[in-house]
Amino acid sequence: MSNDIVVGKRYKLQERLGKGSFGDVFKCVDMLSGKEYAIKMENRKVNSHSQLEYEKRVYRTLKGGDGIPNIHWFGTEGDFNCMVMDLLGESVQQLFESSERRLS
C-alpha cells in the first residue's frame, strides 16, 4: 500500500498491522499532531452491513474501560468505511504467538 494515502484529510496511512475477517488494520499518523493511531478499514462493497459501525458503537458504550481504545474519527473514504482509534499494544494473535501459543 502506498504511503501517499490520506484518510479523513488528516490521517496518513503507514504500514499494515494486520488483517481481520472484515478488513485491514494500518498504523497511521495524524498530519496535524504527528501522533500515531491505528485505522481499521472495511470495504463497503464487500460488507453491506458495516461491522465497523457496530464496533464503533461498542467502543463508545465501553468508553473509559481498561484497554478500550478511544475513537478519533469515523467516516468513509472512497470505497471504505474507516475508523481511527488509539494505537494499543500487541494484538491478541501476537501475544498468543509470543507466549508459546498459550494464554492464561
PDB file of N, CA and C in Angstrom:
ATOM      1  N   MET A   1       0.848  -1.181   0.000  1.00  0.00           N
ATOM      2  CA  MET A   1       0.000   0.000   0.000  1.00  0.00           C
ATOM      3  C   MET A   1       0.886   1.234   0.000  1.00  0.00           C
ATOM      4  N   SER A   2       0.488   2.210  -0.733  1.00  0.00           N
ATOM      5  CA  SER A   2       1.250   3.443  -0.867  1.00  0.00           C
ATOM      6  C   SER A   2       1.188   4.265   0.414  1.00  0.00           C
ATOM      7  N   ASN A   3       2.285   4.918   0.739  1.00  0.00           N
ATOM      8  CA  ASN A   3       2.312   5.810   1.897  1.00  0.00           C
ATOM      9  C   ASN A   3       1.692   7.159   1.588  1.00  0.00           C
ATOM     10  N   ASP A   4       1.126   7.318   0.384  1.00  0.00           N
ATOM     11  CA  ASP A   4       0.527   8.586   0.000  1.00  0.00           C
ATOM     12  C   ASP A   4      -0.968   8.636   0.259  1.00  0.00           C
ATOM     13  N   ILE A   5      -1.527   7.614   0.886  1.00  0.00           N
ATOM     14  CA  ILE A   5      -2.967   7.574   1.124  1.00  0.00           C
ATOM     15  C   ILE A   5      -3.288   8.337   2.402  1.00  0.00           C
ATOM     16  N   VAL A   6      -4.221   9.284   2.280  1.00  0.00           N
ATOM     17  CA  VAL A   6      -4.670  10.084   3.422  1.00  0.00           C
ATOM     18  C   VAL A   6      -6.159   9.841   3.597  1.00  0.00           C
ATOM     19  N   VAL A   7      -6.558   9.587   4.823  1.00  0.00           N
ATOM     20  CA  VAL A   7      -7.948   9.317   5.170  1.00  0.00           C
ATOM     21  C   VAL A   7      -8.464  10.466   6.018  1.00  0.00           C
ATOM     22  N   GLY A   8      -9.679  10.901   5.729  1.00  0.00           N
ATOM     23  CA  GLY A   8     -10.276  11.970   6.504  1.00  0.00           C
ATOM     24  C   GLY A   8      -9.512  13.276   6.421  1.00  0.00           C
ATOM     25  N   LYS A   9      -8.769  13.462   5.330  1.00  0.00           N
ATOM     26  CA  LYS A   9      -7.984  14.676   5.082  1.00  0.00           C
ATOM     27  C   LYS A   9      -6.962  14.963   6.170  1.00  0.00           C
ATOM     28  N   ARG A  10      -6.638  13.934   6.982  1.00  0.00           N
ATOM     29  CA  ARG A  10      -5.793  14.186   8.132  1.00  0.00           C
ATOM     30  C   ARG A  10      -4.862  13.026   8.503  1.00  0.00           C
ATOM     31  N   TYR A  11      -5.293  11.789   8.256  1.00  0.00           N
ATOM     32  CA  TYR A  11      -4.574  10.616   8.732  1.00  0.00           C
ATOM     33  C   TYR A  11      -3.859   9.916   7.579  1.00  0.00           C
ATOM     34  N   LYS A  12      -2.538   9.937   7.610  1.00  0.00           N
ATOM     35  CA  LYS A  12      -1.735   9.349   6.548  1.00  0.00           C
ATOM     36  C   LYS A  12      -1.399   7.903   6.907  1.00  0.00           C
ATOM     37  N   LEU A  13      -1.767   6.978   6.010  1.00  0.00           N
ATOM     38  CA  LEU A  13      -1.519   5.573   6.247  1.00  0.00           C
ATOM     39  C   LEU A  13      -0.042   5.253   6.211  1.00  0.00           C
ATOM     40  N   GLN A  14       0.332   4.338   7.101  1.00  0.00           N
ATOM     41  CA  GLN A  14       1.693   3.807   7.131  1.00  0.00           C
ATOM     42  C   GLN A  14       1.602   2.302   6.898  1.00  0.00           C
ATOM     43  N   GLU A  15       2.324   1.513   7.658  1.00  0.00           N
ATOM     44  CA  GLU A  15       2.345   0.075   7.382  1.00  0.00           C
ATOM     45  C   GLU A  15       1.098  -0.651   7.887  1.00  0.00           C
ATOM     46  N   ARG A  16       0.832  -1.795   7.239  1.00  0.00           N
ATOM     47  CA  ARG A  16      -0.274  -2.641   7.659  1.00  0.00           C
ATOM     48  C   ARG A  16       0.122  -3.355   8.948  1.00  0.00           C
ATOM     49  N   LEU A  17      -0.789  -3.348   9.918  1.00  0.00           N
ATOM     50  CA  LEU A  17      -0.555  -4.025  11.188  1.00  0.00           C
ATOM     51  C   LEU A  17      -1.195  -5.406  11.218  1.00  0.00           C
ATOM     52  N   GLY A  18      -2.266  -5.570  10.464  1.00  0.00           N
ATOM     53  CA  GLY A  18      -2.942  -6.859  10.470  1.00  0.00           C
ATOM     54  C   GLY A  18      -4.115  -6.883   9.518  1.00  0.00           C
ATOM     55  N   LYS A  19      -4.673  -8.064   9.393  1.00  0.00           N
ATOM     56  CA  LYS A  19      -5.820  -8.273   8.521  1.00  0.00           C
ATOM     57  C   LYS A  19      -6.818  -9.090   9.308  1.00  0.00           C
ATOM     58  N   GLY A  20      -8.060  -8.618   9.331  1.00  0.00           N
ATOM     59  CA  GLY A  20      -9.103  -9.315  10.062  1.00  0.00           C
ATOM     60  C   GLY A  20     -10.127  -9.927   9.139  1.00  0.00           C
ATOM     61  N   SER A  21     -11.194 -10.417   9.719  1.00  0.00           N
ATOM     62  CA  SER A  21     -12.221 -11.100   8.940  1.00  0.00           C
ATOM     63  C   SER A  21     -13.005 -10.144   8.056  1.00  0.00           C
ATOM     64  N   PHE A  22     -13.044  -8.870   8.402  1.00  0.00           N
ATOM     65  CA  PHE A  22     -13.821  -7.932   7.583  1.00  0.00           C
ATOM     66  C   PHE A  22     -13.041  -6.701   7.148  1.00  0.00           C
ATOM     67  N   GLY A  23     -11.736  -6.700   7.351  1.00  0.00           N
ATOM     68  CA  GLY A  23     -10.978  -5.546   6.899  1.00  0.00           C
ATOM     69  C   GLY A  23      -9.524  -5.609   7.301  1.00  0.00           C
ATOM     70  N   ASP A  24      -8.841  -4.499   7.087  1.00  0.00           N
ATOM     71  CA  ASP A  24      -7.415  -4.385   7.384  1.00  0.00           C
ATOM     72  C   ASP A  24      -7.191  -3.329   8.454  1.00  0.00           C
ATOM     73  N   VAL A  25      -6.084  -3.478   9.175  1.00  0.00           N
ATOM     74  CA  VAL A  25      -5.688  -2.512  10.197  1.00  0.00           C
ATOM     75  C   VAL A  25      -4.313  -1.973   9.815  1.00  0.00           C
ATOM     76  N   PHE A  26      -4.200  -0.649   9.826  1.00  0.00           N
ATOM     77  CA  PHE A  26      -2.955   0.018   9.495  1.00  0.00           C
ATOM     78  C   PHE A  26      -2.548   0.943  10.621  1.00  0.00           C
ATOM     79  N   LYS A  27      -1.264   1.239  10.688  1.00  0.00           N
ATOM     80  CA  LYS A  27      -0.800   2.342  11.518  1.00  0.00           C
ATOM     81  C   LYS A  27      -0.983   3.583  10.666  1.00  0.00           C
ATOM     82  N   CYS A  28      -1.380   4.686  11.281  1.00  0.00           N
ATOM     83  CA  CYS A  28      -1.471   5.950  10.565  1.00  0.00           C
ATOM     84  C   CYS A  28      -0.941   7.051  11.458  1.00  0.00           C
ATOM     85  N   VAL A  29      -0.631   8.174  10.848  1.00  0.00           N
ATOM     86  CA  VAL A  29      -0.129   9.314  11.605  1.00  0.00           C
ATOM     87  C   VAL A  29      -1.044  10.507  11.333  1.00  0.00           C
ATOM     88  N   ASP A  30      -1.381  11.211  12.398  1.00  0.00           N
ATOM     89  CA  ASP A  30      -2.171  12.431  12.294  1.00  0.00           C
ATOM     90  C   ASP A  30      -1.231  13.518  11.769  1.00  0.00           C
ATOM     91  N   MET A  31      -1.516  14.023  10.584  1.00  0.00           N
ATOM     92  CA  MET A  31      -0.620  15.005   9.963  1.00  0.00           C
ATOM     93  C   MET A  31      -0.622  16.342  10.687  1.00  0.00           C
ATOM     94  N   LEU A  32      -1.618  16.594  11.555  1.00  0.00           N
ATOM     95  CA  LEU A  32      -1.645  17.849  12.312  1.00  0.00           C
ATOM     96  C   LEU A  32      -0.834  17.760  13.595  1.00  0.00           C
ATOM     97  N   SER A  33      -0.965  16.627  14.307  1.00  0.00           N
ATOM     98  CA  SER A  33      -0.298  16.498  15.603  1.00  0.00           C
ATOM     99  C   SER A  33       0.958  15.637  15.563  1.00  0.00           C
ATOM    100  N   GLY A  34       1.087  14.779  14.542  1.00  0.00           N
ATOM    101  CA  GLY A  34       2.210  13.846  14.476  1.00  0.00           C
ATOM    102  C   GLY A  34       1.996  12.584  15.289  1.00  0.00           C
ATOM    103  N   LYS A  35       0.868  12.487  15.973  1.00  0.00           N
ATOM    104  CA  LYS A  35       0.583  11.323  16.811  1.00  0.00           C
ATOM    105  C   LYS A  35       0.196  10.124  15.955  1.00  0.00           C
ATOM    106  N   GLU A  36       0.622   8.929  16.387  1.00  0.00           N
ATOM    107  CA  GLU A  36       0.295   7.704  15.670  1.00  0.00           C
ATOM    108  C   GLU A  36      -0.981   7.078  16.215  1.00  0.00           C
ATOM    109  N   TYR A  37      -1.768   6.522  15.308  1.00  0.00           N
ATOM    110  CA  TYR A  37      -3.018   5.840  15.633  1.00  0.00           C
ATOM    111  C   TYR A  37      -3.105   4.551  14.828  1.00  0.00           C
ATOM    112  N   ALA A  38      -4.119   3.774  15.126  1.00  0.00           N
ATOM    113  CA  ALA A  38      -4.483   2.623  14.295  1.00  0.00           C
ATOM    114  C   ALA A  38      -5.710   3.030  13.501  1.00  0.00           C
ATOM    115  N   ILE A  39      -5.819   2.503  12.290  1.00  0.00           N
ATOM    116  CA  ILE A  39      -7.009   2.744  11.488  1.00  0.00           C
ATOM    117  C   ILE A  39      -7.493   1.415  10.937  1.00  0.00           C
ATOM    118  N   LYS A  40      -8.759   1.133  11.172  1.00  0.00           N
ATOM    119  CA  LYS A  40      -9.394  -0.061  10.617  1.00  0.00           C
ATOM    120  C   LYS A  40     -10.170   0.374   9.385  1.00  0.00           C
ATOM    121  N   MET A  41     -10.067  -0.449   8.347  1.00  0.00           N
ATOM    122  CA  MET A  41     -10.747  -0.123   7.095  1.00  0.00           C
ATOM    123  C   MET A  41     -11.484  -1.360   6.588  1.00  0.00           C
ATOM    124  N   GLU A  42     -12.762  -1.172   6.234  1.00  0.00           N
ATOM    125  CA  GLU A  42     -13.542  -2.261   5.632  1.00  0.00           C
ATOM    126  C   GLU A  42     -14.104  -1.783   4.302  1.00  0.00           C
ATOM    127  N   ASN A  43     -14.099  -2.655   3.333  1.00  0.00           N
ATOM    128  CA  ASN A  43     -14.614  -2.335   2.010  1.00  0.00           C
ATOM    129  C   ASN A  43     -16.142  -2.322   2.064  1.00  0.00           C
ATOM    130  N   ARG A  44     -16.743  -1.191   1.723  1.00  0.00           N
ATOM    131  CA  ARG A  44     -18.202  -1.052   1.770  1.00  0.00           C
ATOM    132  C   ARG A  44     -18.884  -1.915   0.718  1.00  0.00           C
ATOM    133  N   LYS A  45     -18.185  -2.237  -0.354  1.00  0.00           N
ATOM    134  CA  LYS A  45     -18.769  -3.060  -1.411  1.00  0.00           C
ATOM    135  C   LYS A  45     -18.866  -4.521  -0.998  1.00  0.00           C
ATOM    136  N   VAL A  46     -17.971  -4.958  -0.111  1.00  0.00           N
ATOM    137  CA  VAL A  46     -17.964  -6.349   0.343  1.00  0.00           C
ATOM    138  C   VAL A  46     -18.938  -6.554   1.500  1.00  0.00           C
ATOM    139  N   ASN A  47     -19.000  -5.589   2.409  1.00  0.00           N
ATOM    140  CA  ASN A  47     -19.845  -5.703   3.601  1.00  0.00           C
ATOM    141  C   ASN A  47     -21.008  -4.729   3.512  1.00  0.00           C
ATOM    142  N   SER A  48     -22.205  -5.248   3.223  1.00  0.00           N
ATOM    143  CA  SER A  48     -23.361  -4.357   3.123  1.00  0.00           C
ATOM    144  C   SER A  48     -23.804  -3.844   4.491  1.00  0.00           C
ATOM    145  N   HIS A  49     -23.521  -4.609   5.559  1.00  0.00           N
ATOM    146  CA  HIS A  49     -23.807  -4.171   6.930  1.00  0.00           C
ATOM    147  C   HIS A  49     -22.468  -3.930   7.613  1.00  0.00           C
ATOM    148  N   SER A  50     -22.189  -2.685   7.920  1.00  0.00           N
ATOM    149  CA  SER A  50     -20.883  -2.296   8.431  1.00  0.00           C
ATOM    150  C   SER A  50     -20.578  -2.904   9.798  1.00  0.00           C
ATOM    151  N   GLN A  51     -19.540  -3.727   9.824  1.00  0.00           N
ATOM    152  CA  GLN A  51     -19.055  -4.249  11.099  1.00  0.00           C
ATOM    153  C   GLN A  51     -18.354  -3.145  11.887  1.00  0.00           C
ATOM    154  N   LEU A  52     -17.716  -2.221  11.177  1.00  0.00           N
ATOM    155  CA  LEU A  52     -17.032  -1.119  11.868  1.00  0.00           C
ATOM    156  C   LEU A  52     -18.012  -0.199  12.573  1.00  0.00           C
ATOM    157  N   GLU A  53     -19.165   0.026  11.963  1.00  0.00           N
ATOM    158  CA  GLU A  53     -20.198   0.863  12.599  1.00  0.00           C
ATOM    159  C   GLU A  53     -20.621   0.235  13.923  1.00  0.00           C
ATOM    160  N   TYR A  54     -20.818  -1.078  13.915  1.00  0.00           N
ATOM    161  CA  TYR A  54     -21.191  -1.795  15.138  1.00  0.00           C
ATOM    162  C   TYR A  54     -20.048  -1.722  16.160  1.00  0.00           C
ATOM    163  N   GLU A  55     -18.815  -1.958  15.706  1.00  0.00           N
ATOM    164  CA  GLU A  55     -17.659  -1.915  16.600  1.00  0.00           C
ATOM    165  C   GLU A  55     -17.516  -0.527  17.229  1.00  0.00           C
ATOM    166  N   LYS A  56     -17.749   0.515  16.439  1.00  0.00           N
ATOM    167  CA  LYS A  56     -17.687   1.886  16.958  1.00  0.00           C
ATOM    168  C   LYS A  56     -18.693   2.082  18.092  1.00  0.00           C
ATOM    169  N   ARG A  57     -19.914   1.583  17.918  1.00  0.00           N
ATOM    170  CA  ARG A  57     -20.933   1.721  18.962  1.00  0.00           C
ATOM    171  C   ARG A  57     -20.530   0.972  20.230  1.00  0.00           C
ATOM    172  N   VAL A  58     -19.936  -0.212  20.065  1.00  0.00           N
ATOM    173  CA  VAL A  58     -19.487  -0.991  21.230  1.00  0.00           C
ATOM    174  C   VAL A  58     -18.396  -0.230  21.976  1.00  0.00           C
ATOM    175  N   TYR A  59     -17.399   0.296  21.246  1.00  0.00           N
ATOM    176  CA  TYR A  59     -16.320   1.047  21.895  1.00  0.00           C
ATOM    177  C   TYR A  59     -16.851   2.283  22.609  1.00  0.00           C
ATOM    178  N   ARG A  60     -17.810   2.956  22.032  1.00  0.00           N
ATOM    179  CA  ARG A  60     -18.378   4.151  22.678  1.00  0.00           C
ATOM    180  C   ARG A  60     -19.143   3.769  23.940  1.00  0.00           C
ATOM    181  N   THR A  61     -19.803   2.610  23.933  1.00  0.00           N
ATOM    182  CA  THR A  61     -20.509   2.129  25.119  1.00  0.00           C
ATOM    183  C   THR A  61     -19.521   1.793  26.238  1.00  0.00           C
ATOM    184  N   LEU A  62     -18.394   1.195  25.869  1.00  0.00           N
ATOM    185  CA  LEU A  62     -17.392   0.754  26.847  1.00  0.00           C
ATOM    186  C   LEU A  62     -16.349   1.823  27.158  1.00  0.00           C
ATOM    187  N   LYS A  63     -16.516   3.014  26.591  1.00  0.00           N
ATOM    188  CA  LYS A  63     -15.525   4.095  26.706  1.00  0.00           C
ATOM    189  C   LYS A  63     -15.054   4.284  28.147  1.00  0.00           C
ATOM    190  N   GLY A  64     -13.745   4.416  28.281  1.00  0.00           N
ATOM    191  CA  GLY A  64     -13.148   4.638  29.595  1.00  0.00           C
ATOM    192  C   GLY A  64     -12.707   3.362  30.276  1.00  0.00           C
ATOM    193  N   GLY A  65     -13.117   2.220  29.744  1.00  0.00           N
ATOM    194  CA  GLY A  65     -12.712   0.945  30.331  1.00  0.00           C
ATOM    195  C   GLY A  65     -11.252   0.647  30.028  1.00  0.00           C
ATOM    196  N   ASP A  66     -10.638  -0.144  30.891  1.00  0.00           N
ATOM    197  CA  ASP A  66      -9.240  -0.511  30.707  1.00  0.00           C
ATOM    198  C   ASP A  66      -9.057  -1.262  29.395  1.00  0.00           C
ATOM    199  N   GLY A  67      -8.138  -0.799  28.554  1.00  0.00           N
ATOM    200  CA  GLY A  67      -7.845  -1.464  27.293  1.00  0.00           C
ATOM    201  C   GLY A  67      -8.812  -1.144  26.170  1.00  0.00           C
ATOM    202  N   ILE A  68      -9.747  -0.219  26.389  1.00  0.00           N
ATOM    203  CA  ILE A  68     -10.711   0.162  25.360  1.00  0.00           C
ATOM    204  C   ILE A  68     -10.170   1.402  24.641  1.00  0.00           C
ATOM    205  N   PRO A  69      -9.963   1.302  23.317  1.00  0.00           N
ATOM    206  CA  PRO A  69      -9.412   2.446  22.591  1.00  0.00           C
ATOM    207  C   PRO A  69     -10.437   3.563  22.412  1.00  0.00           C
ATOM    208  N   ASN A  70      -9.965   4.792  22.363  1.00  0.00           N
ATOM    209  CA  ASN A  70     -10.809   5.931  22.013  1.00  0.00           C
ATOM    210  C   ASN A  70     -10.924   5.999  20.494  1.00  0.00           C
ATOM    211  N   ILE A  71     -12.089   6.381  20.011  1.00  0.00           N
ATOM    212  CA  ILE A  71     -12.314   6.563  18.584  1.00  0.00           C
ATOM    213  C   ILE A  71     -12.082   8.039  18.274  1.00  0.00           C
ATOM    214  N   HIS A  72     -11.202   8.322  17.321  1.00  0.00           N
ATOM    215  CA  HIS A  72     -10.854   9.702  16.992  1.00  0.00           C
ATOM    216  C   HIS A  72     -11.522  10.198  15.719  1.00  0.00           C
ATOM    217  N   TRP A  73     -11.866   9.283  14.833  1.00  0.00           N
ATOM    218  CA  TRP A  73     -12.551   9.661  13.592  1.00  0.00           C
ATOM    219  C   TRP A  73     -13.212   8.426  13.016  1.00  0.00           C
ATOM    220  N   PHE A  74     -14.416   8.616  12.469  1.00  0.00           N
ATOM    221  CA  PHE A  74     -15.120   7.545  11.775  1.00  0.00           C
ATOM    222  C   PHE A  74     -15.770   8.154  10.546  1.00  0.00           C
ATOM    223  N   GLY A  75     -15.619   7.502   9.410  1.00  0.00           N
ATOM    224  CA  GLY A  75     -16.232   8.007   8.195  1.00  0.00           C
ATOM    225  C   GLY A  75     -15.903   7.121   7.014  1.00  0.00           C
ATOM    226  N   THR A  76     -16.181   7.635   5.834  1.00  0.00           N
ATOM    227  CA  THR A  76     -15.889   6.888   4.621  1.00  0.00           C
ATOM    228  C   THR A  76     -14.824   7.606   3.811  1.00  0.00           C
ATOM    229  N   GLU A  77     -14.041   6.819   3.134  1.00  0.00           N
ATOM    230  CA  GLU A  77     -13.019   7.330   2.233  1.00  0.00           C
ATOM    231  C   GLU A  77     -13.040   6.414   1.011  1.00  0.00           C
ATOM    232  N   GLY A  78     -13.532   6.936  -0.089  1.00  0.00           N
ATOM    233  CA  GLY A  78     -13.668   6.105  -1.291  1.00  0.00           C
ATOM    234  C   GLY A  78     -14.627   4.957  -1.038  1.00  0.00           C
ATOM    235  N   ASP A  79     -14.172   3.744  -1.285  1.00  0.00           N
ATOM    236  CA  ASP A  79     -14.995   2.544  -1.090  1.00  0.00           C
ATOM    237  C   ASP A  79     -14.898   1.970   0.319  1.00  0.00           C
ATOM    238  N   PHE A  80     -14.287   2.692   1.246  1.00  0.00           N
ATOM    239  CA  PHE A  80     -14.004   2.127   2.560  1.00  0.00           C
ATOM    240  C   PHE A  80     -14.660   2.891   3.705  1.00  0.00           C
ATOM    241  N   ASN A  81     -15.181   2.127   4.676  1.00  0.00           N
ATOM    242  CA  ASN A  81     -15.526   2.663   5.980  1.00  0.00           C
ATOM    243  C   ASN A  81     -14.230   2.642   6.772  1.00  0.00           C
ATOM    244  N   CYS A  82     -13.967   3.704   7.527  1.00  0.00           N
ATOM    245  CA  CYS A  82     -12.701   3.829   8.245  1.00  0.00           C
ATOM    246  C   CYS A  82     -12.956   4.266   9.685  1.00  0.00           C
ATOM    247  N   MET A  83     -12.163   3.713  10.594  1.00  0.00           N
ATOM    248  CA  MET A  83     -12.257   4.089  11.993  1.00  0.00           C
ATOM    249  C   MET A  83     -10.840   4.293  12.529  1.00  0.00           C
ATOM    250  N   VAL A  84     -10.545   5.526  12.943  1.00  0.00           N
ATOM    251  CA  VAL A  84      -9.242   5.863  13.523  1.00  0.00           C
ATOM    252  C   VAL A  84      -9.386   5.759  15.037  1.00  0.00           C
ATOM    253  N   MET A  85      -8.486   4.999  15.634  1.00  0.00           N
ATOM    254  CA  MET A  85      -8.573   4.721  17.066  1.00  0.00           C
ATOM    255  C   MET A  85      -7.189   4.698  17.693  1.00  0.00           C
ATOM    256  N   ASP A  86      -7.154   4.714  19.025  1.00  0.00           N
ATOM    257  CA  ASP A  86      -5.881   4.648  19.731  1.00  0.00           C
ATOM    258  C   ASP A  86      -5.096   3.434  19.266  1.00  0.00           C
ATOM    259  N   LEU A  87      -3.804   3.604  19.151  1.00  0.00           N
ATOM    260  CA  LEU A  87      -2.892   2.515  18.823  1.00  0.00           C
ATOM    261  C   LEU A  87      -2.488   1.868  20.142  1.00  0.00           C
ATOM    262  N   LEU A  88      -2.998   0.669  20.366  1.00  0.00           N
ATOM    263  CA  LEU A  88      -2.719  -0.035  21.617  1.00  0.00           C
ATOM    264  C   LEU A  88      -1.511  -0.942  21.432  1.00  0.00           C
ATOM    265  N   GLY A  89      -1.296  -1.855  22.350  1.00  0.00           N
ATOM    266  CA  GLY A  89      -0.153  -2.763  22.282  1.00  0.00           C
ATOM    267  C   GLY A  89      -0.346  -3.864  21.259  1.00  0.00           C
ATOM    268  N   GLU A  90       0.291  -4.968  21.520  1.00  0.00           N
ATOM    269  CA  GLU A  90       0.246  -6.103  20.607  1.00  0.00           C
ATOM    270  C   GLU A  90      -1.170  -6.649  20.460  1.00  0.00           C
ATOM    271  N   SER A  91      -1.434  -7.247  19.312  1.00  0.00           N
ATOM    272  CA  SER A  91      -2.728  -7.885  19.095  1.00  0.00           C
ATOM    273  C   SER A  91      -2.789  -9.188  19.895  1.00  0.00           C
ATOM    274  N   VAL A  92      -3.981  -9.720  20.077  1.00  0.00           N
ATOM    275  CA  VAL A  92      -4.154 -10.996  20.772  1.00  0.00           C
ATOM    276  C   VAL A  92      -3.367 -12.088  20.044  1.00  0.00           C
ATOM    277  N   GLN A  93      -3.395 -12.061  18.709  1.00  0.00           N
ATOM    278  CA  GLN A  93      -2.644 -13.057  17.936  1.00  0.00           C
ATOM    279  C   GLN A  93      -1.142 -12.952  18.217  1.00  0.00           C
ATOM    280  N   GLN A  94      -0.612 -11.739  18.285  1.00  0.00           N
ATOM    281  CA  GLN A  94       0.813 -11.559  18.566  1.00  0.00           C
ATOM    282  C   GLN A  94       1.156 -12.047  19.974  1.00  0.00           C
ATOM    283  N   LEU A  95       0.300 -11.752  20.946  1.00  0.00           N
ATOM    284  CA  LEU A  95       0.529 -12.219  22.317  1.00  0.00           C
ATOM    285  C   LEU A  95       0.505 -13.740  22.387  1.00  0.00           C
ATOM    286  N   PHE A  96      -0.443 -14.341  21.683  1.00  0.00           N
ATOM    287  CA  PHE A  96      -0.587 -15.790  21.641  1.00  0.00           C
ATOM    288  C   PHE A  96       0.676 -16.436  21.078  1.00  0.00           C
ATOM    289  N   GLU A  97       1.174 -15.898  19.977  1.00  0.00           N
ATOM    290  CA  GLU A  97       2.363 -16.463  19.343  1.00  0.00           C
ATOM    291  C   GLU A  97       3.622 -16.238  20.159  1.00  0.00           C
ATOM    292  N   SER A  98       3.720 -15.101  20.849  1.00  0.00           N
ATOM    293  CA  SER A  98       4.921 -14.820  21.653  1.00  0.00           C
ATOM    294  C   SER A  98       4.921 -15.541  22.993  1.00  0.00           C
ATOM    295  N   SER A  99       3.800 -16.145  23.388  1.00  0.00           N
ATOM    296  CA  SER A  99       3.722 -16.871  24.662  1.00  0.00           C
ATOM    297  C   SER A  99       3.649 -18.371  24.439  1.00  0.00           C
ATOM    298  N   GLU A 100       4.361 -18.847  23.408  1.00  0.00           N
ATOM    299  CA  GLU A 100       4.396 -20.269  23.072  1.00  0.00           C
ATOM    300  C   GLU A 100       3.001 -20.834  22.835  1.00  0.00           C
ATOM    301  N   ARG A 101       2.144 -20.003  22.253  1.00  0.00           N
ATOM    302  CA  ARG A 101       0.785 -20.379  21.858  1.00  0.00           C
ATOM    303  C   ARG A 101      -0.081 -20.824  23.048  1.00  0.00           C
ATOM    304  N   ARG A 102       0.165 -20.168  24.206  1.00  0.00           N
ATOM    305  CA  ARG A 102      -0.642 -20.438  25.405  1.00  0.00           C
ATOM    306  C   ARG A 102      -0.969 -19.108  26.070  1.00  0.00           C
ATOM    307  N   LEU A 103      -2.225 -18.920  26.415  1.00  0.00           N
ATOM    308  CA  LEU A 103      -2.638 -17.737  27.174  1.00  0.00           C
ATOM    309  C   LEU A 103      -3.257 -18.189  28.490  1.00  0.00           C
ATOM    310  N   SER A 104      -3.029 -17.390  29.523  1.00  0.00           N
ATOM    311  CA  SER A 104      -3.614 -17.744  30.820  1.00  0.00           C
ATOM    312  C   SER A 104      -5.077 -17.350  30.876  1.00  0.00           C
TER     313      SER A 104
END
